[in-house]
Each structure stands twice: as C-alpha cells, then as structure tokens.
Amino acid sequence: MYVRPAFRGSGLGKAILNHLGEYASAHQTDVLRLRDGGIYQVEAIGLYERWGFQRRPPFGDYEEDPLSVYFEKRIWRSQ
C-alpha cells in the first residue's frame, strides 16, 4: 500500500485495512496475508503491526527476500 505524502496521517491506510478486513470476514475468509516490499517503509509496517498483523515467513510462491517483510492476521468471520 502506498499513500502519497500529502495524504499520510489522514487515516486512509487504516480505512483501507478496515474495509479489507470487513470484506474478507463477510466472504468467509479467516486469514489475511500480505507482503510489504520495502523494509524501509516503517510507517506502513507500523500500521500493519498496530492493526494486528504479525510477521511470518514467506507464503505461497514468495521466497525469502531480505528487502521484504511478510505478515499474517487471523480475523473472525461475521455470522
């Protein structure tokens, strides 16, 4: 996720993650995974961690990459 500097701090990233979580839950998805392709994007990484994502090893077809960070978050599905 990239947010232009002029819009950072406005809650846009959090709103996107909230919408993604709600959509995933409504569609019976109980785990979200993401790869951040920039270890220097500390603001994005901090947002993911505050939102409950935890670091994990690479998943799917991804291989270990020293410039990437991999995350996972378990979510509760709505009934």
PDB file of N, CA and C in Angstrom:
ATOM      1  N   MET A   1       0.853  -1.164   0.000  1.00  0.00           N
ATOM      2  CA  MET A   1       0.000   0.000   0.000  1.00  0.00           C
ATOM      3  C   MET A   1       0.903   1.232   0.000  1.00  0.00           C
ATOM      4  N   TYR A   2       0.556   2.181  -0.829  1.00  0.00           N
ATOM      5  CA  TYR A   2       1.304   3.424  -0.864  1.00  0.00           C
ATOM      6  C   TYR A   2       0.317   4.576  -0.731  1.00  0.00           C
ATOM      7  N   VAL A   3       0.620   5.493   0.154  1.00  0.00           N
ATOM      8  CA  VAL A   3      -0.196   6.696   0.341  1.00  0.00           C
ATOM      9  C   VAL A   3       0.706   7.894   0.064  1.00  0.00           C
ATOM     10  N   ARG A   4       0.257   8.754  -0.807  1.00  0.00           N
ATOM     11  CA  ARG A   4       1.041   9.949  -1.121  1.00  0.00           C
ATOM     12  C   ARG A   4       1.302  10.747   0.146  1.00  0.00           C
ATOM     13  N   PRO A   5       2.478  11.357   0.227  1.00  0.00           N
ATOM     14  CA  PRO A   5       2.840  12.111   1.429  1.00  0.00           C
ATOM     15  C   PRO A   5       1.787  13.134   1.864  1.00  0.00           C
ATOM     16  N   ALA A   6       1.131  13.788   0.916  1.00  0.00           N
ATOM     17  CA  ALA A   6       0.140  14.804   1.272  1.00  0.00           C
ATOM     18  C   ALA A   6      -1.065  14.212   2.007  1.00  0.00           C
ATOM     19  N   PHE A   7      -1.303  12.911   1.852  1.00  0.00           N
ATOM     20  CA  PHE A   7      -2.462  12.272   2.463  1.00  0.00           C
ATOM     21  C   PHE A   7      -2.112  11.398   3.660  1.00  0.00           C
ATOM     22  N   ARG A   8      -0.834  11.303   3.972  1.00  0.00           N
ATOM     23  CA  ARG A   8      -0.423  10.487   5.116  1.00  0.00           C
ATOM     24  C   ARG A   8      -0.910  11.123   6.410  1.00  0.00           C
ATOM     25  N   GLY A   9      -1.244  10.274   7.362  1.00  0.00           N
ATOM     26  CA  GLY A   9      -1.723  10.754   8.645  1.00  0.00           C
ATOM     27  C   GLY A   9      -3.210  11.073   8.657  1.00  0.00           C
ATOM     28  N   SER A  10      -3.880  10.859   7.543  1.00  0.00           N
ATOM     29  CA  SER A  10      -5.314  11.173   7.453  1.00  0.00           C
ATOM     30  C   SER A  10      -6.193   9.964   7.766  1.00  0.00           C
ATOM     31  N   GLY A  11      -5.571   8.813   8.027  1.00  0.00           N
ATOM     32  CA  GLY A  11      -6.352   7.612   8.335  1.00  0.00           C
ATOM     33  C   GLY A  11      -6.720   6.797   7.116  1.00  0.00           C
ATOM     34  N   LEU A  12      -6.213   7.172   5.953  1.00  0.00           N
ATOM     35  CA  LEU A  12      -6.557   6.469   4.727  1.00  0.00           C
ATOM     36  C   LEU A  12      -6.084   5.011   4.741  1.00  0.00           C
ATOM     37  N   GLY A  13      -4.864   4.774   5.167  1.00  0.00           N
ATOM     38  CA  GLY A  13      -4.345   3.405   5.234  1.00  0.00           C
ATOM     39  C   GLY A  13      -5.156   2.542   6.183  1.00  0.00           C
ATOM     40  N   LYS A  14      -5.487   3.090   7.331  1.00  0.00           N
ATOM     41  CA  LYS A  14      -6.302   2.358   8.310  1.00  0.00           C
ATOM     42  C   LYS A  14      -7.685   2.060   7.736  1.00  0.00           C
ATOM     43  N   ALA A  15      -8.270   3.027   7.027  1.00  0.00           N
ATOM     44  CA  ALA A  15      -9.587   2.823   6.417  1.00  0.00           C
ATOM     45  C   ALA A  15      -9.543   1.704   5.378  1.00  0.00           C
ATOM     46  N   ILE A  16      -8.473   1.649   4.597  1.00  0.00           N
ATOM     47  CA  ILE A  16      -8.329   0.583   3.603  1.00  0.00           C
ATOM     48  C   ILE A  16      -8.232  -0.771   4.294  1.00  0.00           C
ATOM     49  N   LEU A  17      -7.417  -0.855   5.355  1.00  0.00           N
ATOM     50  CA  LEU A  17      -7.286  -2.128   6.076  1.00  0.00           C
ATOM     51  C   LEU A  17      -8.600  -2.524   6.736  1.00  0.00           C
ATOM     52  N   ASN A  18      -9.324  -1.561   7.302  1.00  0.00           N
ATOM     53  CA  ASN A  18     -10.618  -1.874   7.911  1.00  0.00           C
ATOM     54  C   ASN A  18     -11.590  -2.413   6.868  1.00  0.00           C
ATOM     55  N   HIS A  19     -11.650  -1.773   5.710  1.00  0.00           N
ATOM     56  CA  HIS A  19     -12.538  -2.243   4.644  1.00  0.00           C
ATOM     57  C   HIS A  19     -12.134  -3.642   4.185  1.00  0.00           C
ATOM     58  N   LEU A  20     -10.856  -3.857   4.005  1.00  0.00           N
ATOM     59  CA  LEU A  20     -10.367  -5.177   3.595  1.00  0.00           C
ATOM     60  C   LEU A  20     -10.765  -6.240   4.609  1.00  0.00           C
ATOM     61  N   GLY A  21     -10.593  -5.946   5.897  1.00  0.00           N
ATOM     62  CA  GLY A  21     -10.959  -6.902   6.940  1.00  0.00           C
ATOM     63  C   GLY A  21     -12.446  -7.204   6.947  1.00  0.00           C
ATOM     64  N   GLU A  22     -13.270  -6.172   6.800  1.00  0.00           N
ATOM     65  CA  GLU A  22     -14.725  -6.368   6.770  1.00  0.00           C
ATOM     66  C   GLU A  22     -15.139  -7.188   5.553  1.00  0.00           C
ATOM     67  N   TYR A  23     -14.561  -6.878   4.415  1.00  0.00           N
ATOM     68  CA  TYR A  23     -14.876  -7.609   3.182  1.00  0.00           C
ATOM     69  C   TYR A  23     -14.473  -9.077   3.306  1.00  0.00           C
ATOM     70  N   ALA A  24     -13.265  -9.312   3.807  1.00  0.00           N
ATOM     71  CA  ALA A  24     -12.778 -10.685   3.963  1.00  0.00           C
ATOM     72  C   ALA A  24     -13.656 -11.466   4.924  1.00  0.00           C
ATOM     73  N   SER A  25     -14.015 -10.860   6.031  1.00  0.00           N
ATOM     74  CA  SER A  25     -14.865 -11.518   7.016  1.00  0.00           C
ATOM     75  C   SER A  25     -16.234 -11.855   6.425  1.00  0.00           C
ATOM     76  N   ALA A  26     -16.812 -10.924   5.694  1.00  0.00           N
ATOM     77  CA  ALA A  26     -18.122 -11.144   5.082  1.00  0.00           C
ATOM     78  C   ALA A  26     -18.082 -12.231   4.011  1.00  0.00           C
ATOM     79  N   HIS A  27     -16.905 -12.485   3.463  1.00  0.00           N
ATOM     80  CA  HIS A  27     -16.751 -13.504   2.425  1.00  0.00           C
ATOM     81  C   HIS A  27     -16.072 -14.765   2.958  1.00  0.00           C
ATOM     82  N   GLN A  28     -16.236 -14.990   4.253  1.00  0.00           N
ATOM     83  CA  GLN A  28     -15.804 -16.212   4.927  1.00  0.00           C
ATOM     84  C   GLN A  28     -14.304 -16.490   4.800  1.00  0.00           C
ATOM     85  N   THR A  29     -13.541 -15.437   4.871  1.00  0.00           N
ATOM     86  CA  THR A  29     -12.087 -15.555   4.885  1.00  0.00           C
ATOM     87  C   THR A  29     -11.633 -15.323   6.314  1.00  0.00           C
ATOM     88  N   ASP A  30     -10.781 -16.195   6.825  1.00  0.00           N
ATOM     89  CA  ASP A  30     -10.387 -16.030   8.224  1.00  0.00           C
ATOM     90  C   ASP A  30      -8.906 -15.740   8.425  1.00  0.00           C
ATOM     91  N   VAL A  31      -8.168 -15.557   7.341  1.00  0.00           N
ATOM     92  CA  VAL A  31      -6.762 -15.169   7.482  1.00  0.00           C
ATOM     93  C   VAL A  31      -6.397 -14.216   6.340  1.00  0.00           C
ATOM     94  N   LEU A  32      -5.691 -13.157   6.695  1.00  0.00           N
ATOM     95  CA  LEU A  32      -5.179 -12.203   5.718  1.00  0.00           C
ATOM     96  C   LEU A  32      -3.665 -12.288   5.741  1.00  0.00           C
ATOM     97  N   ARG A  33      -3.068 -12.268   4.582  1.00  0.00           N
ATOM     98  CA  ARG A  33      -1.604 -12.275   4.488  1.00  0.00           C
ATOM     99  C   ARG A  33      -1.183 -11.155   3.564  1.00  0.00           C
ATOM    100  N   LEU A  34      -0.040 -10.573   3.877  1.00  0.00           N
ATOM    101  CA  LEU A  34       0.478  -9.540   2.995  1.00  0.00           C
ATOM    102  C   LEU A  34       1.990  -9.562   3.006  1.00  0.00           C
ATOM    103  N   ARG A  35       2.526  -9.033   1.935  1.00  0.00           N
ATOM    104  CA  ARG A  35       3.970  -8.868   1.789  1.00  0.00           C
ATOM    105  C   ARG A  35       4.223  -7.388   1.594  1.00  0.00           C
ATOM    106  N   ASP A  36       5.054  -6.842   2.428  1.00  0.00           N
ATOM    107  CA  ASP A  36       5.475  -5.460   2.262  1.00  0.00           C
ATOM    108  C   ASP A  36       6.820  -5.501   1.567  1.00  0.00           C
ATOM    109  N   GLY A  37       6.906  -4.888   0.415  1.00  0.00           N
ATOM    110  CA  GLY A  37       8.117  -4.952  -0.383  1.00  0.00           C
ATOM    111  C   GLY A  37       9.150  -3.904  -0.056  1.00  0.00           C
ATOM    112  N   GLY A  38       9.066  -3.334   1.114  1.00  0.00           N
ATOM    113  CA  GLY A  38      10.052  -2.316   1.444  1.00  0.00           C
ATOM    114  C   GLY A  38      10.348  -2.269   2.928  1.00  0.00           C
ATOM    115  N   ILE A  39      11.467  -2.828   3.321  1.00  0.00           N
ATOM    116  CA  ILE A  39      11.809  -2.831   4.747  1.00  0.00           C
ATOM    117  C   ILE A  39      12.006  -1.416   5.284  1.00  0.00           C
ATOM    118  N   TYR A  40      12.149  -0.457   4.385  1.00  0.00           N
ATOM    119  CA  TYR A  40      12.356   0.918   4.811  1.00  0.00           C
ATOM    120  C   TYR A  40      11.048   1.690   4.935  1.00  0.00           C
ATOM    121  N   GLN A  41       9.924   1.047   4.650  1.00  0.00           N
ATOM    122  CA  GLN A  41       8.613   1.690   4.770  1.00  0.00           C
ATOM    123  C   GLN A  41       8.094   1.475   6.192  1.00  0.00           C
ATOM    124  N   VAL A  42       8.779   2.094   7.130  1.00  0.00           N
ATOM    125  CA  VAL A  42       8.485   1.848   8.543  1.00  0.00           C
ATOM    126  C   VAL A  42       7.085   2.290   8.945  1.00  0.00           C
ATOM    127  N   GLU A  43       6.553   3.330   8.308  1.00  0.00           N
ATOM    128  CA  GLU A  43       5.201   3.768   8.647  1.00  0.00           C
ATOM    129  C   GLU A  43       4.179   2.697   8.271  1.00  0.00           C
ATOM    130  N   ALA A  44       4.326   2.116   7.085  1.00  0.00           N
ATOM    131  CA  ALA A  44       3.404   1.061   6.643  1.00  0.00           C
ATOM    132  C   ALA A  44       3.533  -0.167   7.531  1.00  0.00           C
ATOM    133  N   ILE A  45       4.747  -0.564   7.822  1.00  0.00           N
ATOM    134  CA  ILE A  45       4.972  -1.729   8.677  1.00  0.00           C
ATOM    135  C   ILE A  45       4.367  -1.491  10.059  1.00  0.00           C
ATOM    136  N   GLY A  46       4.553  -0.299  10.593  1.00  0.00           N
ATOM    137  CA  GLY A  46       3.960   0.036  11.890  1.00  0.00           C
ATOM    138  C   GLY A  46       2.445  -0.030  11.853  1.00  0.00           C
ATOM    139  N   LEU A  47       1.846   0.434  10.759  1.00  0.00           N
ATOM    140  CA  LEU A  47       0.392   0.371  10.619  1.00  0.00           C
ATOM    141  C   LEU A  47      -0.075  -1.079  10.619  1.00  0.00           C
ATOM    142  N   TYR A  48       0.574  -1.926   9.848  1.00  0.00           N
ATOM    143  CA  TYR A  48       0.183  -3.341   9.800  1.00  0.00           C
ATOM    144  C   TYR A  48       0.275  -3.972  11.192  1.00  0.00           C
ATOM    145  N   GLU A  49       1.342  -3.681  11.902  1.00  0.00           N
ATOM    146  CA  GLU A  49       1.515  -4.269  13.234  1.00  0.00           C
ATOM    147  C   GLU A  49       0.484  -3.723  14.217  1.00  0.00           C
ATOM    148  N   ARG A  50       0.186  -2.435  14.154  1.00  0.00           N
ATOM    149  CA  ARG A  50      -0.854  -1.876  15.029  1.00  0.00           C
ATOM    150  C   ARG A  50      -2.225  -2.446  14.706  1.00  0.00           C
ATOM    151  N   TRP A  51      -2.438  -2.803  13.451  1.00  0.00           N
ATOM    152  CA  TRP A  51      -3.716  -3.349  13.026  1.00  0.00           C
ATOM    153  C   TRP A  51      -3.837  -4.840  13.372  1.00  0.00           C
ATOM    154  N   GLY A  52      -2.766  -5.414  13.912  1.00  0.00           N
ATOM    155  CA  GLY A  52      -2.817  -6.795  14.376  1.00  0.00           C
ATOM    156  C   GLY A  52      -2.107  -7.804  13.506  1.00  0.00           C
ATOM    157  N   PHE A  53      -1.469  -7.356  12.440  1.00  0.00           N
ATOM    158  CA  PHE A  53      -0.696  -8.284  11.623  1.00  0.00           C
ATOM    159  C   PHE A  53       0.563  -8.691  12.376  1.00  0.00           C
ATOM    160  N   GLN A  54       0.926  -9.953  12.244  1.00  0.00           N
ATOM    161  CA  GLN A  54       2.148 -10.461  12.854  1.00  0.00           C
ATOM    162  C   GLN A  54       3.087 -10.940  11.754  1.00  0.00           C
ATOM    163  N   ARG A  55       4.370 -10.730  11.986  1.00  0.00           N
ATOM    164  CA  ARG A  55       5.359 -11.171  10.995  1.00  0.00           C
ATOM    165  C   ARG A  55       5.366 -12.685  10.908  1.00  0.00           C
ATOM    166  N   ARG A  56       5.636 -13.171   9.713  1.00  0.00           N
ATOM    167  CA  ARG A  56       5.662 -14.606   9.459  1.00  0.00           C
ATOM    168  C   ARG A  56       6.641 -14.878   8.320  1.00  0.00           C
ATOM    169  N   PRO A  57       6.975 -16.142   8.112  1.00  0.00           N
ATOM    170  CA  PRO A  57       7.846 -16.473   6.970  1.00  0.00           C
ATOM    171  C   PRO A  57       7.106 -16.254   5.644  1.00  0.00           C
ATOM    172  N   PRO A  58       7.839 -16.271   4.542  1.00  0.00           N
ATOM    173  CA  PRO A  58       7.186 -16.132   3.231  1.00  0.00           C
ATOM    174  C   PRO A  58       6.097 -17.185   3.044  1.00  0.00           C
ATOM    175  N   PHE A  59       5.109 -16.861   2.243  1.00  0.00           N
ATOM    176  CA  PHE A  59       3.993 -17.759   1.986  1.00  0.00           C
ATOM    177  C   PHE A  59       3.766 -17.865   0.479  1.00  0.00           C
ATOM    178  N   GLY A  60       2.969 -18.842   0.090  1.00  0.00           N
ATOM    179  CA  GLY A  60       2.681 -19.029  -1.331  1.00  0.00           C
ATOM    180  C   GLY A  60       3.950 -19.250  -2.121  1.00  0.00           C
ATOM    181  N   ASP A  61       4.073 -18.556  -3.232  1.00  0.00           N
ATOM    182  CA  ASP A  61       5.245 -18.679  -4.099  1.00  0.00           C
ATOM    183  C   ASP A  61       6.376 -17.725  -3.729  1.00  0.00           C
ATOM    184  N   TYR A  62       6.166 -16.919  -2.675  1.00  0.00           N
ATOM    185  CA  TYR A  62       7.215 -15.994  -2.265  1.00  0.00           C
ATOM    186  C   TYR A  62       8.390 -16.759  -1.670  1.00  0.00           C
ATOM    187  N   GLU A  63       9.572 -16.257  -1.940  1.00  0.00           N
ATOM    188  CA  GLU A  63      10.789 -16.801  -1.338  1.00  0.00           C
ATOM    189  C   GLU A  63      11.363 -15.748  -0.404  1.00  0.00           C
ATOM    190  N   GLU A  64      12.217 -16.195   0.493  1.00  0.00           N
ATOM    191  CA  GLU A  64      12.858 -15.271   1.429  1.00  0.00           C
ATOM    192  C   GLU A  64      13.524 -14.147   0.646  1.00  0.00           C
ATOM    193  N   ASP A  65      13.274 -12.927   1.066  1.00  0.00           N
ATOM    194  CA  ASP A  65      13.809 -11.742   0.408  1.00  0.00           C
ATOM    195  C   ASP A  65      14.211 -10.765   1.509  1.00  0.00           C
ATOM    196  N   PRO A  66      15.475 -10.393   1.576  1.00  0.00           N
ATOM    197  CA  PRO A  66      15.922  -9.511   2.662  1.00  0.00           C
ATOM    198  C   PRO A  66      15.282  -8.122   2.626  1.00  0.00           C
ATOM    199  N   LEU A  67      14.652  -7.752   1.517  1.00  0.00           N
ATOM    200  CA  LEU A  67      14.019  -6.448   1.419  1.00  0.00           C
ATOM    201  C   LEU A  67      12.511  -6.499   1.642  1.00  0.00           C
ATOM    202  N   SER A  68      11.981  -7.676   1.930  1.00  0.00           N
ATOM    203  CA  SER A  68      10.539  -7.834   2.113  1.00  0.00           C
ATOM    204  C   SER A  68      10.218  -8.285   3.529  1.00  0.00           C
ATOM    205  N   VAL A  69       9.016  -7.940   3.961  1.00  0.00           N
ATOM    206  CA  VAL A  69       8.503  -8.368   5.257  1.00  0.00           C
ATOM    207  C   VAL A  69       7.146  -9.021   4.983  1.00  0.00           C
ATOM    208  N   TYR A  70       6.907 -10.163   5.602  1.00  0.00           N
ATOM    209  CA  TYR A  70       5.678 -10.916   5.385  1.00  0.00           C
ATOM    210  C   TYR A  70       4.847 -10.897   6.664  1.00  0.00           C
ATOM    211  N   PHE A  71       3.533 -10.762   6.489  1.00  0.00           N
ATOM    212  CA  PHE A  71       2.637 -10.634   7.629  1.00  0.00           C
ATOM    213  C   PHE A  71       1.420 -11.538   7.471  1.00  0.00           C
ATOM    214  N   GLU A  72       0.792 -11.799   8.621  1.00  0.00           N
ATOM    215  CA  GLU A  72      -0.453 -12.554   8.645  1.00  0.00           C
ATOM    216  C   GLU A  72      -1.322 -12.043   9.770  1.00  0.00           C
ATOM    217  N   LYS A  73      -2.633 -12.061   9.538  1.00  0.00           N
ATOM    218  CA  LYS A  73      -3.587 -11.700  10.590  1.00  0.00           C
ATOM    219  C   LYS A  73      -4.780 -12.628  10.478  1.00  0.00           C
ATOM    220  N   ARG A  74      -5.115 -13.248  11.587  1.00  0.00           N
ATOM    221  CA  ARG A  74      -6.331 -14.080  11.663  1.00  0.00           C
ATOM    222  C   ARG A  74      -7.482 -13.148  11.996  1.00  0.00           C
ATOM    223  N   ILE A  75      -8.604 -13.327  11.329  1.00  0.00           N
ATOM    224  CA  ILE A  75      -9.765 -12.486  11.582  1.00  0.00           C
ATOM    225  C   ILE A  75     -10.950 -13.382  11.928  1.00  0.00           C
ATOM    226  N   TRP A  76     -11.885 -12.799  12.635  1.00  0.00           N
ATOM    227  CA  TRP A  76     -13.107 -13.521  12.997  1.00  0.00           C
ATOM    228  C   TRP A  76     -14.149 -13.227  11.943  1.00  0.00           C
ATOM    229  N   ARG A  77     -14.794 -14.266  11.493  1.00  0.00           N
ATOM    230  CA  ARG A  77     -15.832 -14.100  10.480  1.00  0.00           C
ATOM    231  C   ARG A  77     -17.124 -13.643  11.133  1.00  0.00           C
ATOM    232  N   SER A  78     -17.857 -12.790  10.431  1.00  0.00           N
ATOM    233  CA  SER A  78     -19.172 -12.384  10.913  1.00  0.00           C
ATOM    234  C   SER A  78     -20.144 -13.529  10.673  1.00  0.00           C
ATOM    235  N   GLN A  79     -21.093 -13.678  11.538  1.00  0.00           N
ATOM    236  CA  GLN A  79     -22.053 -14.777  11.446  1.00  0.00           C
ATOM    237  C   GLN A  79     -23.207 -14.416  10.559  1.00  0.00           C
TER     238      GLN A  79
END
